[in-house]
N, C-alpha and C. Protein backbone atom coordinates (compact mmCIF):
# COMPACT_ATOMS: atom_id res chain seq x y z
N MET A 1 20.38 43.63 -25.76
CA MET A 1 20.01 42.63 -24.79
C MET A 1 21.09 42.55 -23.72
N SER A 2 20.66 42.45 -22.51
CA SER A 2 21.62 42.34 -21.42
C SER A 2 21.82 40.87 -21.06
N ILE A 3 22.77 40.63 -20.21
CA ILE A 3 23.08 39.27 -19.79
C ILE A 3 21.91 38.67 -19.02
N THR A 4 21.23 39.49 -18.22
CA THR A 4 20.09 38.97 -17.45
C THR A 4 18.95 38.55 -18.37
N ASP A 5 18.75 39.26 -19.47
CA ASP A 5 17.71 38.87 -20.42
C ASP A 5 18.01 37.51 -21.03
N ASN A 6 19.29 37.30 -21.40
CA ASN A 6 19.68 36.02 -21.98
C ASN A 6 19.51 34.89 -20.97
N SER A 7 19.89 35.11 -19.74
CA SER A 7 19.78 34.05 -18.74
C SER A 7 18.32 33.73 -18.43
N GLU A 8 17.46 34.76 -18.46
CA GLU A 8 16.04 34.52 -18.23
C GLU A 8 15.45 33.70 -19.38
N GLN A 9 15.86 34.02 -20.62
CA GLN A 9 15.37 33.28 -21.77
C GLN A 9 15.87 31.83 -21.74
N GLU A 10 17.13 31.65 -21.35
CA GLU A 10 17.68 30.30 -21.26
C GLU A 10 16.97 29.50 -20.18
N GLN A 11 16.67 30.15 -19.05
CA GLN A 11 15.96 29.48 -17.96
C GLN A 11 14.56 29.08 -18.40
N ALA A 12 13.87 29.97 -19.10
CA ALA A 12 12.52 29.67 -19.58
C ALA A 12 12.55 28.51 -20.56
N ALA A 13 13.55 28.49 -21.45
CA ALA A 13 13.68 27.40 -22.41
C ALA A 13 13.97 26.08 -21.70
N ALA A 14 14.83 26.11 -20.69
CA ALA A 14 15.15 24.90 -19.94
C ALA A 14 13.94 24.39 -19.17
N ASP A 15 13.14 25.31 -18.60
CA ASP A 15 11.93 24.91 -17.88
C ASP A 15 10.92 24.25 -18.80
N SER A 16 10.72 24.83 -19.98
CA SER A 16 9.74 24.25 -20.91
C SER A 16 10.23 22.90 -21.43
N GLN A 17 11.54 22.76 -21.65
CA GLN A 17 12.08 21.50 -22.12
C GLN A 17 11.97 20.44 -21.03
N ALA A 18 12.19 20.80 -19.78
CA ALA A 18 12.10 19.86 -18.67
C ALA A 18 10.67 19.37 -18.49
N SER A 19 9.70 20.27 -18.69
CA SER A 19 8.32 19.86 -18.53
C SER A 19 7.89 18.92 -19.66
N GLU A 20 8.48 19.05 -20.84
CA GLU A 20 8.15 18.18 -21.95
C GLU A 20 8.75 16.79 -21.77
N VAL A 21 9.91 16.71 -21.10
CA VAL A 21 10.61 15.46 -20.93
C VAL A 21 10.07 14.67 -19.75
N SER A 22 9.44 15.34 -18.79
CA SER A 22 8.98 14.65 -17.59
C SER A 22 7.97 13.56 -17.95
N PRO A 23 8.12 12.38 -17.31
CA PRO A 23 7.23 11.27 -17.65
C PRO A 23 5.82 11.52 -17.15
N ARG A 24 4.86 11.08 -17.96
CA ARG A 24 3.47 11.20 -17.55
C ARG A 24 2.99 9.82 -17.15
N GLY A 25 1.95 9.79 -16.40
CA GLY A 25 1.38 8.53 -16.00
C GLY A 25 0.21 8.78 -15.07
N THR A 26 -0.40 7.70 -14.68
CA THR A 26 -1.51 7.81 -13.77
C THR A 26 -1.09 7.22 -12.43
N GLY A 27 -1.51 7.86 -11.37
CA GLY A 27 -1.19 7.38 -10.05
C GLY A 27 -2.18 6.32 -9.58
N LEU A 28 -1.89 5.76 -8.43
CA LEU A 28 -2.73 4.70 -7.89
C LEU A 28 -4.15 5.19 -7.65
N LEU A 29 -4.28 6.39 -7.10
CA LEU A 29 -5.62 6.92 -6.84
C LEU A 29 -6.41 7.13 -8.13
N ALA A 30 -5.75 7.64 -9.15
CA ALA A 30 -6.42 7.85 -10.44
C ALA A 30 -6.83 6.53 -11.07
N ILE A 31 -6.00 5.51 -10.92
CA ILE A 31 -6.34 4.19 -11.47
C ILE A 31 -7.54 3.61 -10.74
N MET A 32 -7.52 3.69 -9.40
CA MET A 32 -8.65 3.16 -8.62
C MET A 32 -9.94 3.90 -8.96
N GLN A 33 -9.84 5.21 -9.11
CA GLN A 33 -11.02 6.02 -9.45
C GLN A 33 -11.54 5.63 -10.84
N SER A 34 -10.65 5.47 -11.79
CA SER A 34 -11.07 5.11 -13.15
C SER A 34 -11.70 3.73 -13.20
N VAL A 35 -11.12 2.78 -12.48
CA VAL A 35 -11.66 1.42 -12.48
C VAL A 35 -13.04 1.41 -11.82
N ALA A 36 -13.19 2.12 -10.70
CA ALA A 36 -14.49 2.17 -10.01
C ALA A 36 -15.53 2.86 -10.89
N ALA A 37 -15.15 3.97 -11.51
CA ALA A 37 -16.10 4.69 -12.37
C ALA A 37 -16.49 3.86 -13.58
N ALA A 38 -15.53 3.18 -14.18
CA ALA A 38 -15.82 2.34 -15.34
C ALA A 38 -16.67 1.14 -14.92
N GLY A 39 -16.44 0.64 -13.71
CA GLY A 39 -17.19 -0.51 -13.22
C GLY A 39 -18.67 -0.24 -13.06
N ILE A 40 -19.01 0.99 -12.68
CA ILE A 40 -20.42 1.32 -12.52
C ILE A 40 -20.96 2.11 -13.72
N GLY A 41 -20.11 2.33 -14.71
CA GLY A 41 -20.56 2.92 -15.97
C GLY A 41 -20.65 4.42 -16.01
N VAL A 42 -19.87 5.12 -15.20
CA VAL A 42 -19.94 6.58 -15.20
C VAL A 42 -18.59 7.22 -15.53
N GLN A 43 -17.72 6.50 -16.22
CA GLN A 43 -16.40 7.04 -16.57
C GLN A 43 -16.55 8.20 -17.56
N SER A 44 -15.92 9.32 -17.28
CA SER A 44 -16.01 10.47 -18.18
C SER A 44 -15.08 10.27 -19.37
N SER A 45 -15.40 10.92 -20.46
CA SER A 45 -14.58 10.82 -21.67
C SER A 45 -13.18 11.36 -21.45
N ALA A 46 -13.09 12.45 -20.69
CA ALA A 46 -11.78 13.05 -20.43
C ALA A 46 -10.89 12.10 -19.63
N ASN A 47 -11.45 11.46 -18.61
CA ASN A 47 -10.66 10.52 -17.82
C ASN A 47 -10.29 9.28 -18.63
N ARG A 48 -11.21 8.81 -19.45
CA ARG A 48 -10.92 7.65 -20.30
C ARG A 48 -9.79 7.97 -21.27
N GLU A 49 -9.83 9.14 -21.88
CA GLU A 49 -8.76 9.54 -22.80
C GLU A 49 -7.44 9.67 -22.07
N ARG A 50 -7.46 10.23 -20.86
CA ARG A 50 -6.24 10.36 -20.05
C ARG A 50 -5.67 8.98 -19.75
N ASP A 51 -6.55 8.03 -19.40
CA ASP A 51 -6.10 6.69 -19.07
C ASP A 51 -5.44 6.02 -20.26
N PHE A 52 -6.04 6.13 -21.44
CA PHE A 52 -5.46 5.52 -22.64
C PHE A 52 -4.18 6.22 -23.05
N ARG A 53 -4.10 7.52 -22.84
CA ARG A 53 -2.92 8.28 -23.25
C ARG A 53 -1.76 8.08 -22.28
N ASP A 54 -2.02 8.13 -20.98
CA ASP A 54 -0.94 8.17 -19.99
C ASP A 54 -0.75 6.88 -19.22
N GLY A 55 -1.77 6.04 -19.18
CA GLY A 55 -1.71 4.86 -18.33
C GLY A 55 -1.15 3.64 -19.05
N LYS A 56 -0.84 2.64 -18.25
CA LYS A 56 -0.39 1.35 -18.80
C LYS A 56 -1.54 0.36 -18.63
N ALA A 57 -1.76 -0.41 -19.65
CA ALA A 57 -2.91 -1.32 -19.67
C ALA A 57 -2.88 -2.30 -18.52
N TRP A 58 -1.72 -2.85 -18.21
CA TRP A 58 -1.68 -3.87 -17.17
C TRP A 58 -2.02 -3.30 -15.80
N HIS A 59 -1.80 -2.01 -15.56
CA HIS A 59 -2.22 -1.39 -14.30
C HIS A 59 -3.74 -1.47 -14.16
N PHE A 60 -4.44 -1.19 -15.25
CA PHE A 60 -5.89 -1.18 -15.22
C PHE A 60 -6.45 -2.61 -15.17
N VAL A 61 -5.78 -3.54 -15.82
CA VAL A 61 -6.22 -4.94 -15.78
C VAL A 61 -6.11 -5.47 -14.35
N VAL A 62 -4.96 -5.25 -13.71
CA VAL A 62 -4.77 -5.71 -12.34
C VAL A 62 -5.75 -5.03 -11.40
N ALA A 63 -5.92 -3.72 -11.54
CA ALA A 63 -6.86 -2.99 -10.69
C ALA A 63 -8.29 -3.47 -10.92
N GLY A 64 -8.64 -3.78 -12.15
CA GLY A 64 -9.98 -4.30 -12.44
C GLY A 64 -10.21 -5.66 -11.82
N ILE A 65 -9.21 -6.53 -11.88
CA ILE A 65 -9.33 -7.86 -11.27
C ILE A 65 -9.45 -7.74 -9.75
N VAL A 66 -8.61 -6.92 -9.15
CA VAL A 66 -8.66 -6.71 -7.70
C VAL A 66 -10.00 -6.10 -7.30
N GLY A 67 -10.47 -5.12 -8.06
CA GLY A 67 -11.76 -4.50 -7.77
C GLY A 67 -12.91 -5.48 -7.88
N THR A 68 -12.87 -6.35 -8.88
CA THR A 68 -13.93 -7.35 -9.06
C THR A 68 -13.92 -8.36 -7.92
N VAL A 69 -12.75 -8.83 -7.54
CA VAL A 69 -12.64 -9.79 -6.43
C VAL A 69 -13.13 -9.14 -5.14
N LEU A 70 -12.75 -7.89 -4.90
CA LEU A 70 -13.20 -7.19 -3.70
C LEU A 70 -14.72 -7.02 -3.71
N PHE A 71 -15.28 -6.66 -4.85
CA PHE A 71 -16.73 -6.50 -4.98
C PHE A 71 -17.45 -7.81 -4.69
N LEU A 72 -16.97 -8.91 -5.26
CA LEU A 72 -17.59 -10.21 -5.03
C LEU A 72 -17.47 -10.63 -3.57
N PHE A 73 -16.35 -10.35 -2.95
CA PHE A 73 -16.17 -10.68 -1.54
C PHE A 73 -17.13 -9.87 -0.67
N LEU A 74 -17.33 -8.61 -0.98
CA LEU A 74 -18.28 -7.80 -0.21
C LEU A 74 -19.71 -8.30 -0.38
N ILE A 75 -20.07 -8.73 -1.57
CA ILE A 75 -21.40 -9.32 -1.79
C ILE A 75 -21.54 -10.60 -0.96
N TYR A 76 -20.50 -11.43 -0.98
CA TYR A 76 -20.51 -12.67 -0.21
C TYR A 76 -20.70 -12.37 1.28
N LEU A 77 -19.95 -11.40 1.82
CA LEU A 77 -20.11 -11.04 3.23
C LEU A 77 -21.51 -10.51 3.53
N PHE A 78 -22.03 -9.70 2.64
CA PHE A 78 -23.37 -9.14 2.83
C PHE A 78 -24.41 -10.25 2.89
N VAL A 79 -24.32 -11.22 1.99
CA VAL A 79 -25.27 -12.34 1.98
C VAL A 79 -25.11 -13.17 3.25
N ARG A 80 -23.88 -13.41 3.66
CA ARG A 80 -23.65 -14.18 4.90
C ARG A 80 -24.27 -13.48 6.10
N VAL A 81 -24.14 -12.17 6.19
CA VAL A 81 -24.73 -11.41 7.30
C VAL A 81 -26.24 -11.49 7.23
N LEU A 82 -26.81 -11.36 6.06
CA LEU A 82 -28.27 -11.46 5.91
C LEU A 82 -28.79 -12.84 6.31
N ILE A 83 -28.09 -13.87 5.91
CA ILE A 83 -28.50 -15.23 6.26
C ILE A 83 -28.36 -15.47 7.76
N ALA A 84 -27.29 -14.97 8.36
CA ALA A 84 -27.05 -15.18 9.78
C ALA A 84 -28.06 -14.43 10.64
N THR A 85 -28.55 -13.31 10.19
CA THR A 85 -29.49 -12.51 10.99
C THR A 85 -30.95 -12.86 10.72
N SER A 86 -31.23 -13.73 9.77
CA SER A 86 -32.63 -14.06 9.48
C SER A 86 -33.09 -15.31 10.22
């Protein structure tokens, strides 16, 4: 074995160890997508498993509350526009 072979093996081992240590999680876009999909009942099993594995519950609770309030506000605006135009 040459020195370059050893350094390549050490680099590969360091890369695999770094990828194992890196924190996992869900981003804002993934949380919003999951909350919207779950809200209308089309959440996929793979995304649901990812959310439970990598996400934090309070992120989804807050996003669900914000999504619900936004949905209710949009319904309220829609009804107000319908009433105003009739």
